[in-house]
Amino acid sequence: MARHCVLQFLIVDGAAGLDKAIAAVWDGAPVQRCTVHKHRNLLAHAPERLHEEITADYTDMIDAATREEIETRRKAFIRKWRLKHRAVADSLERGRRRAVRLHASAAEPMEERAHN
């Protein structure tokens, strides 16, 4: 007997070429950037002395309970880091399209924290 599974969403690491490959196989599937990979990417854009502060701000943002709260904290993160270390803010903005998480208690996409 064949098993059929329904794809709810994909979590990706941001590697080049994934968009085309996913569209070819699962056109229209919701895609989210892995929060662990995005966090590492943010840290890669900043000197080590800022890593702890970036981590605290990023964790605060992705752990927000509602879509509205996530968006409010994302905007605050961007404002702060544009002034403090622009490359960090720019990196978060580049991933914005996929920075939505899926929340288990909600019917529509919110956010789900991916752990490696």
Protein backbone atom coordinates (compact mmCIF):
# COMPACT_ATOMS: atom_id res chain seq x y z
CA MET A 1 0.00 0.00 0.00
CA ALA A 2 1.40 3.40 -0.97
CA ARG A 3 1.72 6.05 1.71
CA HIS A 4 0.98 9.64 0.87
CA CYS A 5 2.15 12.44 3.05
CA VAL A 6 1.01 16.00 2.91
CA LEU A 7 3.80 18.55 2.88
CA GLN A 8 3.02 21.25 5.42
CA PHE A 9 6.22 23.31 5.11
CA LEU A 10 9.94 23.05 4.44
CA ILE A 11 12.76 24.31 6.62
CA VAL A 12 15.85 25.17 4.58
CA ASP A 13 19.37 26.33 5.33
CA GLY A 14 19.45 29.07 2.69
CA ALA A 15 21.76 27.29 0.25
CA ALA A 16 21.82 28.73 -3.26
CA GLY A 17 19.61 26.92 -5.76
CA LEU A 18 17.05 25.65 -3.27
CA ASP A 19 14.29 27.98 -4.48
CA LYS A 20 14.33 26.53 -7.99
CA ALA A 21 14.63 22.95 -6.79
CA ILE A 22 11.77 23.32 -4.32
CA ALA A 23 9.57 25.03 -6.91
CA ALA A 24 10.22 22.18 -9.34
CA VAL A 25 9.16 19.51 -6.85
CA TRP A 26 6.81 21.24 -4.39
CA ASP A 27 5.59 24.38 -6.13
CA GLY A 28 3.82 26.64 -3.65
CA ALA A 29 5.03 24.84 -0.53
CA PRO A 30 5.63 27.16 2.42
CA VAL A 31 9.36 27.55 3.03
CA GLN A 32 11.06 28.79 6.18
CA ARG A 33 14.69 29.62 6.79
CA CYS A 34 16.14 27.50 9.59
CA THR A 35 16.47 29.79 12.60
CA VAL A 36 19.74 28.15 13.65
CA HIS A 37 21.30 28.75 10.25
CA LYS A 38 19.99 32.33 10.15
CA HIS A 39 21.42 32.99 13.61
CA ARG A 40 24.83 31.70 12.50
CA ASN A 41 24.60 33.90 9.43
CA LEU A 42 23.87 36.99 11.55
CA LEU A 43 26.86 36.26 13.79
CA ALA A 44 29.09 35.84 10.74
CA HIS A 45 28.37 39.47 9.84
CA ALA A 46 29.55 40.89 13.17
CA PRO A 47 32.66 40.98 15.35
CA GLU A 48 32.72 38.47 18.19
CA ARG A 49 32.28 41.20 20.81
CA LEU A 50 28.69 41.71 19.52
CA HIS A 51 27.68 38.04 19.34
CA GLU A 52 26.08 37.81 22.78
CA GLU A 53 23.95 40.90 22.20
CA ILE A 54 22.89 39.77 18.71
CA THR A 55 21.98 36.36 20.13
CA ALA A 56 19.84 37.90 22.88
CA ASP A 57 18.01 40.19 20.44
CA TYR A 58 17.48 37.45 17.84
CA THR A 59 16.24 34.92 20.42
CA ASP A 60 13.85 37.51 21.85
CA MET A 61 12.48 38.11 18.37
CA ILE A 62 11.99 34.50 17.26
CA ASP A 63 10.51 33.44 20.60
CA ALA A 64 7.70 35.99 20.43
CA ALA A 65 4.24 34.46 20.86
CA THR A 66 2.30 36.11 18.03
CA ARG A 67 2.88 37.18 14.45
CA GLU A 68 2.39 40.81 15.47
CA GLU A 69 4.89 40.54 18.31
CA ILE A 70 7.44 38.89 16.01
CA GLU A 71 7.03 41.72 13.50
CA THR A 72 7.33 44.40 16.20
CA ARG A 73 10.53 42.82 17.53
CA ARG A 74 11.90 42.33 14.01
CA LYS A 75 11.46 46.03 13.29
CA ALA A 76 13.15 46.92 16.58
CA PHE A 77 16.04 44.55 15.75
CA ILE A 78 16.48 46.18 12.33
CA ARG A 79 16.38 49.72 13.77
CA LYS A 80 18.92 48.92 16.47
CA TRP A 81 21.36 46.96 14.33
CA ARG A 82 21.23 49.38 11.39
CA LEU A 83 22.83 51.89 13.74
CA LYS A 84 25.04 49.51 15.69
CA HIS A 85 26.37 47.22 12.91
CA ARG A 86 24.54 47.60 9.60
CA ALA A 87 25.69 44.28 8.10
CA VAL A 88 23.69 42.41 10.75
CA ALA A 89 20.48 44.31 9.95
CA ASP A 90 21.04 43.87 6.22
CA SER A 91 21.49 40.12 6.70
CA LEU A 92 18.22 39.81 8.59
CA GLU A 93 16.41 41.84 5.95
CA ARG A 94 17.71 39.62 3.14
CA GLY A 95 16.11 36.63 4.83
CA ARG A 96 12.84 38.36 5.64
CA ARG A 97 10.73 36.50 3.11
CA ARG A 98 11.54 33.22 4.86
CA ALA A 99 11.73 34.48 8.43
CA VAL A 100 8.19 33.40 9.23
CA ARG A 101 7.80 30.59 11.66
CA LEU A 102 5.00 28.09 11.96
CA HIS A 103 3.31 28.11 15.32
CA ALA A 104 1.91 24.72 16.39
CA SER A 105 -1.17 26.24 18.01
CA ALA A 106 -2.17 28.32 14.99
CA ALA A 107 -3.84 27.25 11.77
CA GLU A 108 -1.87 29.69 9.66
CA PRO A 109 1.93 30.10 9.49
CA MET A 110 3.58 31.82 12.45
CA GLU A 111 6.95 30.36 13.37
CA GLU A 112 8.54 27.16 14.58
CA ARG A 113 12.00 27.10 15.99
CA ALA A 114 14.26 24.67 14.17
CA HIS A 115 17.02 23.03 16.18
CA ASN A 116 19.96 21.08 14.80
